[in-house]
N, C-alpha and C. Protein backbone atom coordinates (compact mmCIF):
# COMPACT_ATOMS: atom_id res chain seq x y z
N MET A 1 206.50 93.12 52.44
CA MET A 1 204.85 92.80 51.63
C MET A 1 204.27 91.40 51.94
N THR A 2 203.24 91.91 52.89
CA THR A 2 202.95 90.59 52.80
C THR A 2 201.59 89.84 51.12
N ASN A 3 201.19 88.65 51.71
CA ASN A 3 200.52 87.83 50.47
C ASN A 3 199.03 88.60 50.74
N LYS A 4 198.53 89.30 51.82
CA LYS A 4 197.57 89.70 51.62
C LYS A 4 197.71 91.03 50.89
N ASP A 5 199.05 91.90 51.23
CA ASP A 5 199.32 93.29 50.93
C ASP A 5 199.08 93.06 49.23
N LEU A 6 199.99 92.02 48.90
CA LEU A 6 199.73 91.44 47.53
C LEU A 6 198.54 91.22 46.70
N SER A 7 197.37 90.84 47.26
CA SER A 7 196.36 90.55 46.69
C SER A 7 195.35 91.85 46.26
N GLN A 8 196.02 92.58 47.69
CA GLN A 8 195.05 93.61 47.45
C GLN A 8 194.40 94.84 45.95
N ILE A 9 195.93 94.42 45.29
CA ILE A 9 195.08 95.33 43.42
C ILE A 9 194.14 94.05 43.11
N HIS A 10 194.28 92.76 43.25
CA HIS A 10 193.13 92.18 42.54
C HIS A 10 191.90 92.17 42.86
N TYR A 11 191.81 92.40 44.36
CA TYR A 11 190.53 92.78 44.99
C TYR A 11 190.28 94.45 44.67
N LEU A 12 190.72 95.01 44.94
CA LEU A 12 190.75 96.41 44.50
C LEU A 12 189.70 96.23 42.95
N LYS A 13 190.49 95.97 41.74
CA LYS A 13 190.01 95.87 40.30
C LYS A 13 188.71 95.26 40.51
N LYS A 14 188.47 94.14 41.32
CA LYS A 14 187.25 93.46 41.47
C LYS A 14 186.46 94.36 41.39
N GLU A 15 186.50 95.40 43.31
CA GLU A 15 185.28 96.21 43.81
C GLU A 15 185.19 97.26 42.29
N ILE A 16 186.24 97.64 41.71
CA ILE A 16 186.00 98.87 40.82
C ILE A 16 185.13 97.93 39.88
N GLU A 17 185.11 96.92 39.13
CA GLU A 17 184.11 96.36 38.02
C GLU A 17 183.24 96.27 38.50
N LEU A 18 182.62 95.49 39.68
CA LEU A 18 181.28 95.48 40.36
C LEU A 18 180.67 96.66 40.11
N ASN A 19 181.12 97.83 41.04
CA ASN A 19 181.19 99.32 40.98
C ASN A 19 180.78 99.85 40.01
N GLU A 20 181.49 99.82 38.55
CA GLU A 20 181.39 100.35 37.05
C GLU A 20 180.52 99.76 36.79
N ARG A 21 179.98 98.45 36.89
CA ARG A 21 178.94 97.87 36.14
C ARG A 21 177.67 98.25 36.80
N ARG A 22 177.52 98.22 37.65
CA ARG A 22 176.32 98.74 38.80
C ARG A 22 176.21 100.05 38.24
N LEU A 23 177.00 101.26 38.08
CA LEU A 23 177.17 102.10 37.58
C LEU A 23 176.25 102.89 36.04
N LYS A 24 176.98 101.74 35.17
CA LYS A 24 176.61 101.40 33.93
C LYS A 24 174.87 101.05 34.01
N GLU A 25 174.17 99.80 34.74
CA GLU A 25 173.23 100.09 34.87
C GLU A 25 172.00 100.67 35.40
N LEU A 26 172.91 101.58 36.04
CA LEU A 26 171.85 102.90 36.86
C LEU A 26 171.85 104.02 35.99
N ASN A 27 172.86 104.10 35.45
CA ASN A 27 172.85 105.43 33.91
C ASN A 27 171.60 104.25 32.61
N ASN A 28 171.78 103.10 32.71
CA ASN A 28 170.66 102.71 31.30
C ASN A 28 169.31 103.24 31.89
N ASN A 29 168.87 103.05 33.44
CA ASN A 29 168.37 103.22 34.11
C ASN A 29 167.37 104.41 33.92
N LEU A 30 168.02 105.69 34.06
CA LEU A 30 168.54 106.68 34.33
C LEU A 30 167.77 107.36 32.64
N ASN A 31 168.43 106.98 32.10
CA ASN A 31 168.48 107.64 30.55
C ASN A 31 166.85 106.79 29.92
N ASN A 32 166.36 105.22 30.12
CA ASN A 32 165.63 104.73 29.65
C ASN A 32 163.71 105.70 30.02
N PRO A 33 162.78 105.91 28.69
CA PRO A 33 161.74 106.75 29.36
C PRO A 33 160.97 105.60 29.30
N MET A 34 161.16 104.37 29.41
CA MET A 34 160.30 103.76 29.80
C MET A 34 160.22 102.97 31.54
N PHE A 35 161.24 103.73 31.84
CA PHE A 35 161.92 103.10 32.95
C PHE A 35 160.78 104.61 34.30
N LEU A 36 160.19 103.52 34.90
CA LEU A 36 159.03 104.48 36.24
C LEU A 36 159.43 104.86 37.34
N LYS A 37 160.92 104.49 37.20
CA LYS A 37 161.01 104.56 38.79
C LYS A 37 161.61 105.86 39.77
N ASP A 38 162.02 106.49 40.62
CA ASP A 38 162.26 107.76 40.62
C ASP A 38 163.84 108.23 40.61
N ASN A 39 163.80 108.53 39.40
CA ASN A 39 165.20 109.24 38.72
C ASN A 39 165.95 109.79 39.86
N ASN A 40 165.20 110.58 41.20
CA ASN A 40 165.87 111.65 41.37
C ASN A 40 167.16 109.93 42.46
N GLY A 41 166.17 109.14 42.90
CA GLY A 41 167.11 108.61 44.31
C GLY A 41 168.18 108.02 43.34
N ASP A 42 168.04 107.30 41.44
CA ASP A 42 168.75 106.86 40.90
C ASP A 42 170.25 108.07 41.05
N ALA A 43 169.68 108.88 40.60
CA ALA A 43 170.84 109.86 40.02
C ALA A 43 171.70 110.09 41.39
N MET A 44 171.02 109.87 42.74
CA MET A 44 171.58 109.90 43.86
C MET A 44 172.70 108.64 43.99
N LYS A 45 172.68 108.17 43.56
CA LYS A 45 172.87 107.08 43.45
C LYS A 45 174.49 106.61 42.89
N ILE A 46 174.02 107.05 41.20
CA ILE A 46 175.20 107.85 40.37
C ILE A 46 175.99 108.31 40.88
N GLN A 47 175.87 109.39 41.31
CA GLN A 47 176.45 110.41 42.06
C GLN A 47 177.75 109.60 43.60
N TYR A 48 177.18 109.22 44.05
CA TYR A 48 178.12 108.52 44.86
C TYR A 48 178.83 107.07 44.51
N LEU A 49 178.31 106.88 43.55
CA LEU A 49 178.93 105.37 42.95
C LEU A 49 180.22 105.85 42.42
N GLU A 50 179.99 107.05 41.41
CA GLU A 50 181.27 107.71 40.81
C GLU A 50 182.07 108.45 41.80
N THR A 51 181.94 108.81 43.08
CA THR A 51 182.51 108.92 43.75
C THR A 51 183.58 107.70 44.44
N LYS A 52 182.64 106.86 44.63
CA LYS A 52 183.29 105.63 45.67
C LYS A 52 184.50 105.24 43.87
N VAL A 53 184.47 105.15 42.80
CA VAL A 53 184.84 104.48 41.95
C VAL A 53 185.86 105.21 41.36
N ASN A 54 185.84 106.44 41.61
CA ASN A 54 187.17 107.49 41.69
C ASN A 54 188.32 107.26 43.02
N SER A 55 187.14 107.34 44.41
CA SER A 55 188.65 106.83 45.30
C SER A 55 189.13 105.27 45.15
N LEU A 56 188.23 104.27 44.97
CA LEU A 56 188.39 103.28 44.76
C LEU A 56 190.22 103.36 43.64
N LYS A 57 189.95 103.61 42.80
CA LYS A 57 190.87 103.77 40.83
C LYS A 57 192.65 104.99 41.79
N ASN A 58 191.98 105.47 42.92
CA ASN A 58 193.37 106.38 43.34
C ASN A 58 193.44 105.08 44.49
N GLU A 59 192.97 104.51 45.13
CA GLU A 59 194.27 103.41 45.66
C GLU A 59 194.28 102.32 45.55
N LEU A 60 193.66 102.27 44.32
CA LEU A 60 194.42 101.32 43.27
C LEU A 60 195.48 101.98 42.50
N PHE A 61 195.62 103.14 42.31
CA PHE A 61 196.93 103.29 41.85
C PHE A 61 198.05 103.71 42.92
N GLU A 62 197.96 103.73 44.01
CA GLU A 62 198.76 104.01 45.08
C GLU A 62 199.02 102.19 45.49
N GLU A 63 198.23 101.80 45.43
CA GLU A 63 198.41 100.39 45.61
C GLU A 63 200.04 99.35 44.93
N MET A 64 199.12 100.15 43.11
CA MET A 64 200.69 99.56 42.48
C MET A 64 201.36 100.39 42.56
N ILE A 65 201.36 101.30 42.81
CA ILE A 65 202.87 101.94 42.90
C ILE A 65 203.35 101.45 43.97
N ALA A 66 203.34 101.23 44.89
CA ALA A 66 204.02 100.45 46.30
C ALA A 66 204.21 99.40 45.58
N ILE A 67 203.78 98.06 45.19
CA ILE A 67 203.49 96.86 45.27
C ILE A 67 204.80 97.10 44.01
N GLN A 68 204.98 98.11 42.22
CA GLN A 68 205.81 97.79 41.92
C GLN A 68 207.26 97.91 42.41
N GLU A 69 207.63 99.19 43.34
CA GLU A 69 208.45 99.09 44.28
C GLU A 69 208.91 98.41 45.01
N TYR A 70 208.01 97.54 45.23
CA TYR A 70 208.42 95.99 46.16
C TYR A 70 209.21 95.35 45.08
N ILE A 71 208.05 95.16 44.06
CA ILE A 71 208.87 94.23 43.09
C ILE A 71 210.19 94.80 42.29
N ASN A 72 210.63 96.00 42.00
CA ASN A 72 211.69 96.09 41.62
C ASN A 72 212.59 96.15 42.82
N ASN A 73 212.14 95.61 43.90
CA ASN A 73 213.37 95.40 44.81
C ASN A 73 213.83 94.12 45.27
N ILE A 74 213.33 93.25 44.34
CA ILE A 74 213.85 91.39 44.33
C ILE A 74 214.61 91.30 43.26
N GLN A 75 215.35 90.52 43.78
CA GLN A 75 216.59 90.27 43.75
C GLN A 75 215.97 88.90 42.24
N ASP A 76 215.43 87.90 42.55
CA ASP A 76 215.34 87.37 41.59
C ASP A 76 214.72 87.43 40.91
N SER A 77 215.17 87.18 39.16
CA SER A 77 214.06 87.39 38.06
C SER A 77 213.01 86.63 38.38
N LEU A 78 212.81 85.67 38.46
CA LEU A 78 211.48 84.17 38.80
C LEU A 78 210.56 84.93 39.37
N VAL A 79 211.12 85.16 40.54
CA VAL A 79 210.21 85.67 41.69
C VAL A 79 209.41 86.92 41.19
N ARG A 80 210.52 87.94 40.49
CA ARG A 80 209.48 89.37 40.31
C ARG A 80 208.64 89.19 38.98
N MET A 81 209.41 87.85 37.87
CA MET A 81 207.97 87.64 37.13
C MET A 81 206.76 86.92 37.72
N ILE A 82 206.91 86.00 38.76
CA ILE A 82 205.35 85.56 39.33
C ILE A 82 205.09 86.70 39.93
N ILE A 83 205.51 87.34 40.55
CA ILE A 83 204.76 88.61 41.23
C ILE A 83 203.60 89.62 40.70
N THR A 84 204.56 90.00 39.32
CA THR A 84 203.90 91.00 38.61
C THR A 84 202.78 90.15 37.67
N LEU A 85 203.40 88.86 37.09
CA LEU A 85 201.39 87.95 36.50
C LEU A 85 200.91 88.05 37.72
N ARG A 86 201.59 87.76 38.71
CA ARG A 86 200.04 86.98 39.68
C ARG A 86 199.25 88.56 40.17
N PHE A 87 199.80 89.73 40.86
CA PHE A 87 199.44 90.43 41.52
C PHE A 87 199.46 91.80 40.96
N VAL A 88 200.34 92.28 39.66
CA VAL A 88 199.68 93.46 39.07
C VAL A 88 198.83 92.90 37.72
N GLU A 89 199.26 92.03 36.89
CA GLU A 89 198.21 91.45 35.89
C GLU A 89 197.36 90.89 36.25
N CYS A 90 197.17 90.21 37.53
CA CYS A 90 195.83 89.12 38.24
C CYS A 90 195.58 87.82 37.61
N TYR A 91 196.75 87.39 36.73
CA TYR A 91 196.82 86.08 36.28
C TYR A 91 196.40 85.14 37.10
N SER A 92 195.66 83.97 37.02
CA SER A 92 195.38 82.95 37.83
C SER A 92 196.85 82.38 37.81
N TRP A 93 196.85 81.52 39.22
CA TRP A 93 198.08 80.78 38.51
C TRP A 93 198.44 79.88 37.56
N ASP A 94 197.28 78.80 37.25
CA ASP A 94 197.46 78.56 36.35
C ASP A 94 198.62 79.15 34.97
N GLU A 95 197.81 80.38 34.78
CA GLU A 95 197.92 81.20 34.00
C GLU A 95 199.55 81.69 33.95
N VAL A 96 199.97 82.40 35.45
CA VAL A 96 201.52 82.30 35.83
C VAL A 96 202.01 81.31 35.62
N ALA A 97 201.86 80.09 35.92
CA ALA A 97 203.13 79.03 35.11
C ALA A 97 203.05 78.95 33.46
N ILE A 98 201.96 79.15 32.75
CA ILE A 98 202.10 78.70 31.19
C ILE A 98 202.59 80.04 30.77
N ALA A 99 203.02 81.26 31.54
CA ALA A 99 203.26 82.69 30.89
C ALA A 99 204.85 82.13 31.69
N VAL A 100 205.20 81.56 32.38
CA VAL A 100 206.82 81.75 32.75
C VAL A 100 207.46 80.61 32.52
N GLY A 101 206.40 79.20 31.86
CA GLY A 101 207.23 78.05 30.97
C GLY A 101 208.16 77.46 31.57
N GLY A 102 209.23 76.77 31.06
CA GLY A 102 210.17 76.61 31.24
C GLY A 102 209.51 74.93 32.39
N GLY A 103 208.23 74.42 31.78
CA GLY A 103 207.76 73.53 32.59
C GLY A 103 208.03 73.28 33.91
N ASN A 104 207.77 74.85 34.38
CA ASN A 104 206.99 74.97 35.72
C ASN A 104 205.21 74.84 35.95
N SER A 105 205.29 74.20 36.92
CA SER A 105 203.76 74.00 37.23
C SER A 105 202.88 74.88 38.23
N TYR A 106 201.83 74.54 38.24
CA TYR A 106 200.86 75.14 39.06
C TYR A 106 201.47 75.48 40.30
N ASP A 107 201.92 74.60 40.66
CA ASP A 107 202.09 74.04 42.11
C ASP A 107 203.67 74.24 42.45
N GLY A 108 204.23 74.20 41.28
CA GLY A 108 205.71 74.49 41.54
C GLY A 108 205.93 76.55 41.43
N ILE A 109 205.15 76.87 40.67
CA ILE A 109 204.90 78.35 40.64
C ILE A 109 204.75 78.84 41.97
N LYS A 110 203.46 78.21 42.76
CA LYS A 110 202.54 78.68 43.77
C LYS A 110 204.02 78.64 45.26
N LYS A 111 204.81 77.18 44.75
CA LYS A 111 205.45 77.06 46.15
C LYS A 111 206.69 78.33 46.15
N ILE A 112 207.58 78.30 45.15
CA ILE A 112 208.26 79.33 44.90
C ILE A 112 208.00 80.60 45.30
N TYR A 113 206.82 81.26 45.16
CA TYR A 113 205.82 82.38 45.43
C TYR A 113 205.94 82.56 46.89
N TYR A 114 205.66 81.06 47.61
CA TYR A 114 205.24 81.18 49.57
C TYR A 114 206.23 80.95 49.76
N ARG A 115 207.34 80.40 48.98
CA ARG A 115 208.24 80.22 49.83
C ARG A 115 209.27 81.84 50.06
N TYR A 116 209.23 82.47 48.78
CA TYR A 116 209.82 83.85 48.74
C TYR A 116 209.47 84.74 49.63
N ILE A 117 208.01 84.48 50.00
CA ILE A 117 207.38 85.69 50.86
C ILE A 117 207.22 85.25 52.13
N LYS A 118 207.26 84.15 52.34
CA LYS A 118 207.27 83.04 53.70
C LYS A 118 209.29 84.02 54.72
N ASN A 119 209.92 84.05 53.92
CA ASN A 119 211.60 83.90 54.46
C ASN A 119 211.98 85.84 53.65
N ASN A 120 211.11 86.63 53.41
CA ASN A 120 211.43 87.76 53.11
C ASN A 120 210.61 88.70 53.45
């Protein structure tokens, strides 16, 4: 699995969040009697975005399963923890270093991760 593959979860979560925010705005507009815009167009956008969000959530679920299987096959507990925190929990590298503890720095954690990805 590559860094790009592992990063996919983070970007899928962000894309879902963005689309859900837009969906909420459209629903608020549609339900606002003071909103004078064509509600039929908004209703179509809402339907499209709902379908898009569901599709992205399905894709996220599949990616999560694949990454979890990958993580489960890693022999090194520290690397498993780093990858889980970074790519499943979407922690920043600083947050990963703090969660891992043991005096590990942001740079040290990243080096461990990138060394593992390079060699495996």
